[in-house]
Structure formats: structure tokens, C-alpha cells
C-alpha atoms as a PDB file:
ATOM      1  CA  MET A   1       9.844 -48.667  24.663  1.00  0.00           C
ATOM      2  CA  LYS A   2       7.644 -50.268  22.038  1.00  0.00           C
ATOM      3  CA  LEU A   3       7.287 -47.569  19.358  1.00  0.00           C
ATOM      4  CA  VAL A   4       5.839 -47.563  15.794  1.00  0.00           C
ATOM      5  CA  GLY A   5       6.852 -44.967  13.235  1.00  0.00           C
ATOM      6  CA  PHE A   6       4.435 -43.544  10.692  1.00  0.00           C
ATOM      7  CA  PHE A   7       5.871 -41.488   7.986  1.00  0.00           C
ATOM      8  CA  ASN A   8       3.725 -39.546   5.476  1.00  0.00           C
ATOM      9  CA  ARG A   9       5.340 -39.883   2.136  1.00  0.00           C
ATOM     10  CA  ASP A  10       3.066 -37.063   0.823  1.00  0.00           C
ATOM     11  CA  GLY A  11       4.369 -34.665   3.383  1.00  0.00           C
ATOM     12  CA  GLY A  12       6.753 -31.882   2.428  1.00  0.00           C
ATOM     13  CA  THR A  13      10.428 -33.062   2.759  1.00  0.00           C
ATOM     14  CA  PHE A  14       9.412 -36.654   2.341  1.00  0.00           C
ATOM     15  CA  ARG A  15       8.271 -36.129  -1.265  1.00  0.00           C
ATOM     16  CA  THR A  16      11.842 -35.867  -2.324  1.00  0.00           C
ATOM     17  CA  THR A  17      13.240 -38.399   0.127  1.00  0.00           C
ATOM     18  CA  ASP A  18      14.190 -41.958  -0.608  1.00  0.00           C
ATOM     19  CA  MET A  19      11.492 -43.476   1.821  1.00  0.00           C
ATOM     20  CA  LEU A  20      12.797 -47.003   1.751  1.00  0.00           C
ATOM     21  CA  ALA A  21      16.221 -45.783   2.900  1.00  0.00           C
ATOM     22  CA  TYR A  22      14.562 -43.500   5.531  1.00  0.00           C
ATOM     23  CA  GLU A  23      12.496 -46.223   6.820  1.00  0.00           C
ATOM     24  CA  LYS A  24      15.573 -48.530   7.257  1.00  0.00           C
ATOM     25  CA  ARG A  25      17.520 -45.785   8.948  1.00  0.00           C
ATOM     26  CA  ALA A  26      14.770 -44.921  11.317  1.00  0.00           C
ATOM     27  CA  GLU A  27      14.502 -48.666  12.392  1.00  0.00           C
ATOM     28  CA  GLU A  28      18.277 -48.827  12.926  1.00  0.00           C
ATOM     29  CA  ALA A  29      18.430 -45.622  14.941  1.00  0.00           C
ATOM     30  CA  PHE A  30      15.677 -46.702  17.332  1.00  0.00           C
ATOM     31  CA  ARG A  31      16.650 -50.233  17.617  1.00  0.00           C
ATOM     32  CA  ASP A  32      20.266 -49.351  18.356  1.00  0.00           C
ATOM     33  CA  ALA A  33      19.110 -47.136  21.221  1.00  0.00           C
ATOM     34  CA  GLY A  34      17.293 -50.201  22.725  1.00  0.00           C
ATOM     35  CA  HIS A  35      13.795 -49.594  21.436  1.00  0.00           C
ATOM     36  CA  ASP A  36      11.361 -52.076  19.895  1.00  0.00           C
ATOM     37  CA  PHE A  37      10.645 -50.253  16.761  1.00  0.00           C
ATOM     38  CA  ASP A  38       9.027 -50.702  13.366  1.00  0.00           C
ATOM     39  CA  ALA A  39       8.588 -48.003  10.671  1.00  0.00           C
ATOM     40  CA  ILE A  40       5.809 -47.825   8.077  1.00  0.00           C
ATOM     41  CA  VAL A  41       5.358 -45.391   5.244  1.00  0.00           C
ATOM     42  CA  PHE A  42       1.922 -44.359   4.420  1.00  0.00           C
ATOM     43  CA  SER A  43       0.084 -41.978   1.984  1.00  0.00           C
ATOM     44  CA  GLY A  44      -1.502 -38.870   3.431  1.00  0.00           C
ATOM     45  CA  LYS A  45      -5.029 -40.509   3.344  1.00  0.00           C
ATOM     46  CA  GLU A  46      -3.780 -43.715   5.100  1.00  0.00           C
ATOM     47  CA  ILE A  47      -1.691 -42.480   7.961  1.00  0.00           C
ATOM     48  CA  ILE A  48      -4.238 -41.088  10.410  1.00  0.00           C
ATOM     49  CA  PRO A  49      -6.459 -44.253  10.468  1.00  0.00           C
ATOM     50  CA  ALA A  50      -3.273 -46.189  10.845  1.00  0.00           C
ATOM     51  CA  MET A  51      -2.037 -44.149  13.852  1.00  0.00           C
ATOM     52  CA  GLU A  52      -5.404 -44.496  15.490  1.00  0.00           C
ATOM     53  CA  ARG A  53      -5.448 -48.279  15.070  1.00  0.00           C
ATOM     54  CA  ALA A  54      -1.946 -48.601  16.445  1.00  0.00           C
ATOM     55  CA  ALA A  55      -2.642 -46.240  19.518  1.00  0.00           C
ATOM     56  CA  LYS A  56      -5.338 -48.583  20.718  1.00  0.00           C
ATOM     57  CA  ARG A  57      -3.036 -51.522  21.054  1.00  0.00           C
ATOM     58  CA  ASP A  58      -2.087 -52.527  24.484  1.00  0.00           C
ATOM     59  CA  ASP A  59       1.502 -53.112  23.683  1.00  0.00           C
ATOM     60  CA  ILE A  60       2.278 -49.734  22.353  1.00  0.00           C
ATOM     61  CA  ASP A  61       4.096 -47.105  24.411  1.00  0.00           C
ATOM     62  CA  GLY A  62       4.151 -44.386  21.764  1.00  0.00           C
ATOM     63  CA  ILE A  63       4.250 -43.471  18.085  1.00  0.00           C
ATOM     64  CA  VAL A  64       6.793 -41.500  15.973  1.00  0.00           C
ATOM     65  CA  ALA A  65       5.061 -39.422  13.333  1.00  0.00           C
ATOM     66  CA  GLY A  66       6.785 -37.798  10.448  1.00  0.00           C
ATOM     67  CA  GLY A  67       5.129 -35.265   8.059  1.00  0.00           C
ATOM     68  CA  GLY A  68       3.764 -31.768   7.858  1.00  0.00           C
ATOM     69  CA  ASP A  69       1.823 -29.769  10.591  1.00  0.00           C
ATOM     70  CA  GLY A  70      -1.396 -31.486   9.781  1.00  0.00           C
ATOM     71  CA  THR A  71       0.006 -34.902  10.242  1.00  0.00           C
ATOM     72  CA  ILE A  72       1.745 -33.877  13.485  1.00  0.00           C
ATOM     73  CA  SER A  73      -1.355 -32.197  14.860  1.00  0.00           C
ATOM     74  CA  ALA A  74      -3.328 -35.431  14.198  1.00  0.00           C
ATOM     75  CA  ALA A  75      -0.769 -37.593  15.809  1.00  0.00           C
ATOM     76  CA  ALA A  76      -0.594 -35.455  18.961  1.00  0.00           C
ATOM     77  CA  SER A  77      -4.425 -35.660  19.255  1.00  0.00           C
ATOM     78  CA  ILE A  78      -4.246 -39.454  18.923  1.00  0.00           C
ATOM     79  CA  ALA A  79      -1.400 -39.644  21.393  1.00  0.00           C
ATOM     80  CA  TRP A  80      -3.111 -37.454  23.931  1.00  0.00           C
ATOM     81  CA  LYS A  81      -6.435 -39.355  23.815  1.00  0.00           C
ATOM     82  CA  ASN A  82      -4.699 -42.581  24.277  1.00  0.00           C
ATOM     83  CA  GLY A  83      -2.143 -41.512  26.862  1.00  0.00           C
ATOM     84  CA  ILE A  84       0.883 -42.569  24.786  1.00  0.00           C
ATOM     85  CA  ALA A  85       4.120 -40.863  23.923  1.00  0.00           C
ATOM     86  CA  LEU A  86       4.702 -38.873  20.639  1.00  0.00           C
ATOM     87  CA  GLY A  87       7.938 -38.432  18.706  1.00  0.00           C
ATOM     88  CA  VAL A  88       7.850 -35.620  16.014  1.00  0.00           C
ATOM     89  CA  VAL A  89       9.904 -35.860  12.825  1.00  0.00           C
ATOM     90  CA  PRO A  90       9.545 -32.473  11.142  1.00  0.00           C
ATOM     91  CA  ALA A  91       9.005 -33.001   7.376  1.00  0.00           C
ATOM     92  CA  GLY A  92       6.518 -30.270   6.666  1.00  0.00           C
ATOM     93  CA  THR A  93       6.754 -26.596   5.585  1.00  0.00           C
ATOM     94  CA  MET A  94       6.782 -24.778   8.952  1.00  0.00           C
ATOM     95  CA  ASN A  95       7.325 -27.614  11.504  1.00  0.00           C
ATOM     96  CA  LEU A  96       6.008 -25.238  14.207  1.00  0.00           C
ATOM     97  CA  PHE A  97       5.425 -27.861  16.872  1.00  0.00           C
ATOM     98  CA  ALA A  98       8.877 -29.432  16.257  1.00  0.00           C
ATOM     99  CA  ARG A  99      10.460 -26.073  16.688  1.00  0.00           C
ATOM    100  CA  SER A 100       8.776 -25.551  19.930  1.00  0.00           C
ATOM    101  CA  LEU A 101       9.971 -28.983  21.138  1.00  0.00           C
ATOM    102  CA  ARG A 102      13.510 -28.107  19.789  1.00  0.00           C
ATOM    103  CA  VAL A 103      13.668 -31.137  17.578  1.00  0.00           C
ATOM    104  CA  PRO A 104      16.257 -30.804  14.728  1.00  0.00           C
ATOM    105  CA  LEU A 105      14.637 -29.749  11.519  1.00  0.00           C
ATOM    106  CA  ASP A 106      16.817 -32.085   9.457  1.00  0.00           C
ATOM    107  CA  ILE A 107      14.752 -35.261   9.209  1.00  0.00           C
ATOM    108  CA  TRP A 108      17.796 -37.470   9.490  1.00  0.00           C
ATOM    109  CA  GLN A 109      19.211 -35.748  12.606  1.00  0.00           C
ATOM    110  CA  ALA A 110      15.826 -35.872  14.229  1.00  0.00           C
ATOM    111  CA  LEU A 111      15.890 -39.642  14.219  1.00  0.00           C
ATOM    112  CA  ASP A 112      18.995 -39.932  16.401  1.00  0.00           C
ATOM    113  CA  VAL A 113      17.785 -37.144  18.775  1.00  0.00           C
ATOM    114  CA  LEU A 114      14.450 -38.796  19.303  1.00  0.00           C
ATOM    115  CA  ALA A 115      15.878 -42.366  19.507  1.00  0.00           C
ATOM    116  CA  SER A 116      18.283 -41.231  22.404  1.00  0.00           C
ATOM    117  CA  GLY A 117      15.787 -38.936  23.918  1.00  0.00           C
ATOM    118  CA  GLU A 118      13.588 -38.900  26.903  1.00  0.00           C
ATOM    119  CA  ILE A 119       9.953 -38.448  27.759  1.00  0.00           C
ATOM    120  CA  ASP A 120       8.704 -34.972  28.769  1.00  0.00           C
ATOM    121  CA  ASN A 121       5.232 -33.699  29.471  1.00  0.00           C
ATOM    122  CA  VAL A 122       3.998 -30.632  27.617  1.00  0.00           C
ATOM    123  CA  ASP A 123       0.762 -28.689  27.380  1.00  0.00           C
ATOM    124  CA  ILE A 124      -2.019 -29.185  24.727  1.00  0.00           C
ATOM    125  CA  ALA A 125      -5.053 -27.162  24.122  1.00  0.00           C
ATOM    126  CA  SER A 126      -8.549 -27.883  22.757  1.00  0.00           C
ATOM    127  CA  ALA A 127     -11.407 -25.839  21.118  1.00  0.00           C
ATOM    128  CA  ASN A 128     -14.791 -27.266  21.905  1.00  0.00           C
ATOM    129  CA  GLY A 129     -13.090 -30.462  22.674  1.00  0.00           C
ATOM    130  CA  ARG A 130     -10.983 -30.779  19.482  1.00  0.00           C
ATOM    131  CA  PRO A 131      -7.219 -30.798  20.497  1.00  0.00           C
ATOM    132  CA  PHE A 132      -4.739 -28.507  18.871  1.00  0.00           C
ATOM    133  CA  ILE A 133      -0.948 -28.040  19.444  1.00  0.00           C
ATOM    134  CA  HIS A 134      -0.357 -24.726  17.806  1.00  0.00           C
ATOM    135  CA  GLN A 135      -3.214 -22.365  17.527  1.00  0.00           C
ATOM    136  CA  PHE A 136      -6.887 -21.610  16.913  1.00  0.00           C
ATOM    137  CA  SER A 137      -7.519 -18.461  14.804  1.00  0.00           C
ATOM    138  CA  ALA A 138     -10.273 -16.519  13.103  1.00  0.00           C
ATOM    139  CA  GLY A 139     -10.266 -13.393  10.867  1.00  0.00           C
ATOM    140  CA  LEU A 140      -7.065 -12.442   9.000  1.00  0.00           C
ATOM    141  CA  HIS A 141      -5.472 -15.998   9.366  1.00  0.00           C
ATOM    142  CA  ALA A 142      -8.627 -17.977   8.202  1.00  0.00           C
ATOM    143  CA  ARG A 143      -9.043 -15.654   5.259  1.00  0.00           C
ATOM    144  CA  MET A 144      -5.566 -16.065   4.189  1.00  0.00           C
ATOM    145  CA  VAL A 145      -5.689 -19.875   4.425  1.00  0.00           C
ATOM    146  CA  ARG A 146      -8.935 -19.778   2.327  1.00  0.00           C
ATOM    147  CA  TYR A 147      -7.185 -17.704  -0.329  1.00  0.00           C
ATOM    148  CA  ARG A 148      -4.193 -19.937  -0.314  1.00  0.00           C
ATOM    149  CA  ASN A 149      -6.367 -23.125  -0.732  1.00  0.00           C
ATOM    150  CA  ALA A 150      -7.792 -21.537  -3.888  1.00  0.00           C
ATOM    151  CA  TYR A 151      -4.316 -21.794  -5.455  1.00  0.00           C
ATOM    152  CA  SER A 152      -2.828 -25.139  -6.655  1.00  0.00           C
ATOM    153  CA  TYR A 153       0.610 -26.215  -5.560  1.00  0.00           C
ATOM    154  CA  ARG A 154       2.366 -29.446  -5.388  1.00  0.00           C
ATOM    155  CA  SER A 155       5.737 -28.582  -3.513  1.00  0.00           C
ATOM    156  CA  ARG A 156       6.994 -26.787  -0.397  1.00  0.00           C
ATOM    157  CA  LEU A 157       8.080 -23.948  -2.473  1.00  0.00           C
ATOM    158  CA  GLY A 158       4.760 -23.853  -4.198  1.00  0.00           C
ATOM    159  CA  LYS A 159       2.957 -23.725  -0.897  1.00  0.00           C
ATOM    160  CA  ILE A 160       5.161 -20.751   0.199  1.00  0.00           C
ATOM    161  CA  ARG A 161       4.373 -18.906  -3.054  1.00  0.00           C
ATOM    162  CA  ALA A 162       0.724 -19.456  -2.628  1.00  0.00           C
ATOM    163  CA  SER A 163       0.850 -18.264   0.965  1.00  0.00           C
ATOM    164  CA  THR A 164       2.547 -15.133  -0.162  1.00  0.00           C
ATOM    165  CA  LYS A 165      -0.106 -14.392  -2.806  1.00  0.00           C
ATOM    166  CA  ALA A 166      -2.848 -15.115  -0.203  1.00  0.00           C
ATOM    167  CA  ALA A 167      -1.244 -12.752   2.305  1.00  0.00           C
ATOM    168  CA  LEU A 168      -1.202  -9.999  -0.196  1.00  0.00           C
ATOM    169  CA  GLY A 169      -4.836 -10.631  -0.946  1.00  0.00           C
ATOM    170  CA  VAL A 170      -5.679 -10.255   2.798  1.00  0.00           C
ATOM    171  CA  VAL A 171      -3.725  -6.993   3.129  1.00  0.00           C
ATOM    172  CA  PHE A 172      -5.990  -5.368   0.643  1.00  0.00           C
ATOM    173  CA  ASN A 173      -9.231  -7.040   1.851  1.00  0.00           C
ATOM    174  CA  PRO A 174      -8.990  -7.412   5.670  1.00  0.00           C
ATOM    175  CA  PRO A 175     -12.065  -8.908   7.439  1.00  0.00           C
ATOM    176  CA  GLU A 176     -13.943  -7.144  10.312  1.00  0.00           C
ATOM    177  CA  PHE A 177     -16.199  -8.981  12.680  1.00  0.00           C
ATOM    178  CA  GLU A 178     -17.819  -8.806  16.222  1.00  0.00           C
ATOM    179  CA  VAL A 179     -16.867 -11.089  19.061  1.00  0.00           C
ATOM    180  CA  GLU A 180     -17.699 -11.465  22.769  1.00  0.00           C
ATOM    181  CA  PHE A 181     -14.999 -12.974  24.861  1.00  0.00           C
ATOM    182  CA  GLU A 182     -14.415 -14.039  28.330  1.00  0.00           C
ATOM    183  CA  ALA A 183     -10.954 -14.609  29.674  1.00  0.00           C
ATOM    184  CA  ALA A 184      -9.051 -14.103  32.872  1.00  0.00           C
ATOM    185  CA  GLY A 185     -12.029 -12.604  34.691  1.00  0.00           C
ATOM    186  CA  MET A 186     -12.657 -10.106  31.785  1.00  0.00           C
ATOM    187  CA  ARG A 187     -15.678 -10.036  29.664  1.00  0.00           C
ATOM    188  CA  GLU A 188     -15.893  -7.809  26.649  1.00  0.00           C
ATOM    189  CA  ARG A 189     -17.511  -7.143  23.299  1.00  0.00           C
ATOM    190  CA  ARG A 190     -15.523  -5.705  20.492  1.00  0.00           C
ATOM    191  CA  TRP A 191     -14.939  -5.534  16.746  1.00  0.00           C
ATOM    192  CA  VAL A 192     -11.835  -7.047  15.481  1.00  0.00           C
ATOM    193  CA  SER A 193      -9.954  -8.213  12.340  1.00  0.00           C
ATOM    194  CA  ALA A 194      -8.227 -11.178  13.891  1.00  0.00           C
ATOM    195  CA  ILE A 195      -8.274 -13.498  16.875  1.00  0.00           C
ATOM    196  CA  SER A 196      -5.683 -16.100  17.826  1.00  0.00           C
ATOM    197  CA  VAL A 197      -5.502 -18.349  20.687  1.00  0.00           C
ATOM    198  CA  SER A 198      -2.223 -20.307  20.974  1.00  0.00           C
ATOM    199  CA  ASN A 199      -1.158 -23.370  22.946  1.00  0.00           C
ATOM    200  CA  ASN A 200       1.208 -21.328  25.295  1.00  0.00           C
ATOM    201  CA  PRO A 201       2.235 -17.753  24.376  1.00  0.00           C
ATOM    202  CA  PHE A 202       4.179 -17.096  21.113  1.00  0.00           C
ATOM    203  CA  GLY A 203       7.780 -16.430  21.476  1.00  0.00           C
ATOM    204  CA  GLU A 204       9.634 -13.499  19.844  1.00  0.00           C
ATOM    205  CA  ASN A 205      10.063 -15.186  16.449  1.00  0.00           C
ATOM    206  CA  ALA A 206       8.713 -14.483  12.911  1.00  0.00           C
ATOM    207  CA  LEU A 207       6.894 -17.879  12.609  1.00  0.00           C
ATOM    208  CA  LEU A 208       4.787 -17.299  15.851  1.00  0.00           C
ATOM    209  CA  TYR A 209       5.472 -20.621  17.704  1.00  0.00           C
ATOM    210  CA  ALA A 210       5.814 -21.071  21.446  1.00  0.00           C
ATOM    211  CA  ASP A 211       9.371 -21.147  22.949  1.00  0.00           C
ATOM    212  CA  ASN A 212       8.077 -22.945  25.959  1.00  0.00           C
ATOM    213  CA  LEU A 213       5.112 -25.521  25.907  1.00  0.00           C
ATOM    214  CA  ARG A 214       5.016 -25.872  29.820  1.00  0.00           C
ATOM    215  CA  THR A 215       3.796 -22.458  30.900  1.00  0.00           C
ATOM    216  CA  GLY A 216       0.244 -23.633  31.702  1.00  0.00           C
ATOM    217  CA  GLU A 217      -1.099 -20.605  29.827  1.00  0.00           C
ATOM    218  CA  LEU A 218      -2.856 -19.818  26.482  1.00  0.00           C
ATOM    219  CA  GLY A 219      -1.703 -16.980  24.390  1.00  0.00           C
ATOM    220  CA  PHE A 220      -4.797 -14.893  23.487  1.00  0.00           C
ATOM    221  CA  TYR A 221      -4.524 -12.201  20.879  1.00  0.00           C
ATOM    222  CA  THR A 222      -6.977  -9.972  19.199  1.00  0.00           C
ATOM    223  CA  ALA A 223      -6.365  -7.226  16.544  1.00  0.00           C
ATOM    224  CA  ASN A 224      -8.433  -4.125  16.261  1.00  0.00           C
ATOM    225  CA  PRO A 225     -10.285  -3.501  13.065  1.00  0.00           C
ATOM    226  CA  LEU A 226      -7.586  -2.841  10.488  1.00  0.00           C
ATOM    227  CA  LYS A 227      -7.202  -1.072   7.143  1.00  0.00           C
ATOM    228  CA  PRO A 228      -4.724  -2.240   4.535  1.00  0.00           C
ATOM    229  CA  LEU A 229      -1.924  -0.157   6.094  1.00  0.00           C
ATOM    230  CA  GLY A 230      -2.600  -1.519   9.501  1.00  0.00           C
ATOM    231  CA  VAL A 231      -2.469  -5.198   8.170  1.00  0.00           C
ATOM    232  CA  ALA A 232       0.755  -4.379   6.550  1.00  0.00           C
ATOM    233  CA  ARG A 233       2.205  -2.932   9.822  1.00  0.00           C
ATOM    234  CA  LEU A 234       0.944  -5.901  11.685  1.00  0.00           C
ATOM    235  CA  ALA A 235       2.664  -8.204   9.189  1.00  0.00           C
ATOM    236  CA  ILE A 236       5.913  -6.398   9.581  1.00  0.00           C
ATOM    237  CA  ASP A 237       5.676  -6.708  13.363  1.00  0.00           C
ATOM    238  CA  MET A 238       5.066 -10.461  13.028  1.00  0.00           C
ATOM    239  CA  LEU A 239       8.232 -10.799  10.782  1.00  0.00           C
ATOM    240  CA  ARG A 240      10.133  -8.880  13.437  1.00  0.00           C
ATOM    241  CA  GLY A 241       8.761 -11.284  16.111  1.00  0.00           C
ATOM    242  CA  LYS A 242       7.330  -8.084  17.831  1.00  0.00           C
ATOM    243  CA  VAL A 243       3.498  -8.691  17.691  1.00  0.00           C
ATOM    244  CA  ARG A 244       3.155  -7.531  21.350  1.00  0.00           C
ATOM    245  CA  GLU A 245       4.503  -4.151  20.388  1.00  0.00           C
ATOM    246  CA  ASN A 246       1.701  -3.477  17.850  1.00  0.00           C
ATOM    247  CA  ALA A 247      -0.646  -0.924  19.179  1.00  0.00           C
ATOM    248  CA  ASP A 248      -3.572  -2.613  17.599  1.00  0.00           C
ATOM    249  CA  VAL A 249      -3.024  -6.056  19.323  1.00  0.00           C
ATOM    250  CA  MET A 250      -4.270  -7.004  22.698  1.00  0.00           C
ATOM    251  CA  VAL A 251      -2.474  -9.820  24.524  1.00  0.00           C
ATOM    252  CA  MET A 252      -3.610 -11.976  27.424  1.00  0.00           C
ATOM    253  CA  HIS A 253      -2.375 -15.166  28.911  1.00  0.00           C
ATOM    254  CA  PRO A 254      -5.425 -17.014  30.453  1.00  0.00           C
ATOM    255  CA  ALA A 255      -5.986 -20.688  31.018  1.00  0.00           C
ATOM    256  CA  GLU A 256      -9.437 -20.636  29.234  1.00  0.00           C
ATOM    257  CA  VAL A 257     -11.018 -18.397  26.598  1.00  0.00           C
ATOM    258  CA  HIS A 258     -14.712 -18.339  25.719  1.00  0.00           C
ATOM    259  CA  LEU A 259     -15.763 -16.708  22.440  1.00  0.00           C
ATOM    260  CA  HIS A 260     -19.216 -15.758  21.175  1.00  0.00           C
ATOM    261  CA  PHE A 261     -19.770 -14.584  17.594  1.00  0.00           C
ATOM    262  CA  PRO A 262     -23.189 -12.746  17.699  1.00  0.00           C
ATOM    263  CA  LYS A 263     -23.363 -12.043  13.905  1.00  0.00           C
ATOM    264  CA  LEU A 264     -21.716 -15.219  12.524  1.00  0.00           C
ATOM    265  CA  ARG A 265     -21.931 -15.614   8.818  1.00  0.00           C
ATOM    266  CA  SER A 266     -23.053 -19.048   7.555  1.00  0.00           C
ATOM    267  CA  LYS A 267     -19.744 -19.579   5.612  1.00  0.00           C
ATOM    268  CA  ALA A 268     -17.422 -18.235   8.298  1.00  0.00           C
ATOM    269  CA  ASN A 269     -14.167 -20.233   8.831  1.00  0.00           C
ATOM    270  CA  CYS A 270     -11.563 -20.689  11.556  1.00  0.00           C
ATOM    271  CA  VAL A 271      -8.208 -22.323  11.410  1.00  0.00           C
ATOM    272  CA  MET A 272      -6.869 -25.012  13.743  1.00  0.00           C
ATOM    273  CA  ASP A 273      -3.280 -26.121  13.276  1.00  0.00           C
ATOM    274  CA  GLY A 274      -3.357 -25.032   9.644  1.00  0.00           C
ATOM    275  CA  GLU A 275      -6.732 -26.725   8.865  1.00  0.00           C
ATOM    276  CA  LEU A 276      -9.505 -24.531   7.565  1.00  0.00           C
ATOM    277  CA  LEU A 277     -12.741 -25.519   9.415  1.00  0.00           C
ATOM    278  CA  PRO A 278     -16.339 -24.032   9.876  1.00  0.00           C
ATOM    279  CA  LEU A 279     -16.481 -21.530  12.722  1.00  0.00           C
ATOM    280  CA  GLU A 280     -18.919 -22.129  15.498  1.00  0.00           C
ATOM    281  CA  ARG A 281     -21.016 -19.548  17.143  1.00  0.00           C
ATOM    282  CA  ASN A 282     -19.634 -20.435  20.557  1.00  0.00           C
ATOM    283  CA  VAL A 283     -16.168 -21.648  21.092  1.00  0.00           C
ATOM    284  CA  SER A 284     -14.596 -22.611  24.351  1.00  0.00           C
ATOM    285  CA  ILE A 285     -10.848 -22.985  24.434  1.00  0.00           C
ATOM    286  CA  ARG A 286      -9.049 -24.695  27.275  1.00  0.00           C
ATOM    287  CA  LEU A 287      -5.348 -25.579  28.058  1.00  0.00           C
ATOM    288  CA  HIS A 288      -4.515 -29.102  29.362  1.00  0.00           C
ATOM    289  CA  PRO A 289      -1.310 -28.586  31.352  1.00  0.00           C
ATOM    290  CA  GLY A 290       1.294 -31.314  31.000  1.00  0.00           C
ATOM    291  CA  GLU A 291      -1.076 -33.886  29.472  1.00  0.00           C
ATOM    292  CA  LEU A 292       0.853 -34.647  26.334  1.00  0.00           C
ATOM    293  CA  LYS A 293       3.816 -36.903  26.522  1.00  0.00           C
ATOM    294  CA  VAL A 294       6.444 -36.158  23.921  1.00  0.00           C
ATOM    295  CA  LEU A 295      10.027 -37.418  23.035  1.00  0.00           C
ATOM    296  CA  VAL A 296      12.581 -34.658  23.305  1.00  0.00           C
ATOM    297  CA  LYS A 297      16.354 -34.442  23.364  1.00  0.00           C
ATOM    298  CA  GLN A 298      18.073 -36.057  26.277  1.00  0.00           C
ATOM    299  CA  GLY A 299      18.432 -33.395  29.055  1.00  0.00           C
ATOM    300  CA  LEU A 300      16.117 -30.821  27.468  1.00  0.00           C
ATOM    301  CA  ALA A 301      13.567 -30.921  30.208  1.00  0.00           C
ATOM    302  CA  ALA A 302      16.110 -30.171  32.833  1.00  0.00           C
ATOM    303  CA  GLN A 303      17.398 -27.332  30.814  1.00  0.00           C
ATOM    304  CA  VAL A 304      14.008 -25.861  30.432  1.00  0.00           C
ATOM    305  CA  ASP A 305      13.422 -26.265  34.190  1.00  0.00           C
ATOM    306  CA  GLU A 306      16.525 -24.475  34.974  1.00  0.00           C
ATOM    307  CA  ALA A 307      15.700 -21.671  32.469  1.00  0.00           C
ATOM    308  CA  GLU A 308      12.332 -21.205  34.254  1.00  0.00           C
ATOM    309  CA  ARG A 309      13.903 -21.036  37.663  1.00  0.00           C
ATOM    310  CA  ARG A 310      16.321 -18.360  36.429  1.00  0.00           C
ATOM    311  CA  GLU A 311      13.700 -16.176  34.860  1.00  0.00           C
ATOM    312  CA  PRO A 312      11.839 -14.910  38.171  1.00  0.00           C
ATOM    313  CA  ALA A 313      15.407 -14.042  39.642  1.00  0.00           C
ATOM    314  CA  ALA A 314      16.188 -12.117  36.514  1.00  0.00           C
END
């Protein structure tokens, strides 16, 4: 394939990486595997426009993006809109999409796996037409991200510390708001402290990422109005990978979710793939099954198919 690699030198792991050496190794790995490949290192401000320009070229089969979750989310959006393949090099803090795709979290090993990999089709979701690969959320998560953004940090460890401080702040000051939702034939109005809609249901893991990106379903989660103790219990269940067992959490797996916030505050926020954004009064979230082409480990798609066939029998 004709591929172009875009590596965000401002993203997580890349900040402490010899990017000239990494660029050279990437080109060697993909060219040795038979691809026509060029790698380019960009700053965080430059990388998205560069990917957009490349994706519009007629001679491009795909892009390989390296950076944090924000860079990967933008790359997935670009690849989906232009019908090209995406390879993910996990150089961020959480690397949630890479974990779902089972790409090695070591940035050097990821190159060899992607270069010798195969194309698979996975699901992608959108909220009011804006694509996302991980989740849309409002309430607890949005408040935590807002608190975290108020702290200054320059490293992966600094971001983790800021997130910890922000999480503690939310525990003692949880939000509560009203929402109307329509999903899977159900229409309801309720007060909640949190809403999350994920691209495929979360697996049983502490980081809350999907184990399978080909189920054709959203994960729709709401949490009842919570006091500090309830938020702490929810946090513990999240760390245990047992969110579904929390008595305050409602879980559904629809293909579409329509949200309406009747008493929306002017400065209300949501989070999409880690980015804090203004929350709109009406939000329509849809899944687009199998519409995103991704590079995965050779043979992985067949393994997932086999696992899916065994599940109903089990």
C-alpha cells in the first residue's frame, strides 16, 4: 500500500524519543514489508492539517498516525471521511483506541506489527455528525476534564497527577442535571450525575475501553444523582472493571441514542475522545458499523471472528 506516517513529536512518549531515529525505523519497517511509505514528524499544531491534506490525495491508501488519543481521534475522523485505512502508533497517556485494536503499546514494536498487518473494518460513532472512536460523555467526566485542564502539566506523569487531583475534586463536588433520552425504543426523563456513550460497550477493564470494536452496538451508561460517597463507590467499581455491577448505573446497548438537555446551562461541557467541548441542547449519537478501515495484527480479525462464534455457544 501507499502509506504516509504522521508522528506528533509533542505527544506523550514521543517527547522523550529520538524522532529522527524513529522516523528512520518506521520507514525501514514498512518498506521492508513491501509498502510505499514515507514518515514525517510534525508538531501538535501542524499534524492535523497535514493529515487532512494527505488524505485527499488520489494515490494514498492510508495513513499511520502516532500520538496521543487526541491525535488518533483526529486521524480516525480523517480516515473515515476519506475512506482510507488508519494505522495507530500509541504514543499517548491512555492509548485507549490502540488497546481496543490490540496494537502493542511499545511504539517500536507497534511499527513491526502494523507493517506486517492486515486491514480490518471496525465501528466508529458520531455525535451530531462529529465522529469519535472512544466515547462521548457529560457530567462527572466533563467536570473532571475541566478541572484537570485548569492545572498545568508538561509530561505524561504530570497529566496523570493532574487527573488524580481533578478526580478528587469531582468526588467532593459531583454534578447533577436533567436529561431526556431515547434509545432502543425507550424514552425517559431523569436526573443524573453522568452520561457516557461509547463506541461499542466497555470491556471489564479499569480504563473503560471496548474489547471488541465490531459489535455494531453503542455502550450507553447513565449514573443516578450521586453524593460524594456514591462517586467514590463508582470510581472503585471503575478501577475494578465492574461498572455494570454498580447499582446506580444503567447500561444499554443501542445503535442510536438521542439526548435532550431541557435545562442546559450556557457553559455546560461534554467530552469527546478526551476533548472538552460545549454541550449542545440536543445530541444525536449514532454507530457506523464497520465503516472505519484499520491496520491490525496479521490474523487478528480471524481470531476475533472465532471468538465471536464461540460466545453464543458458551
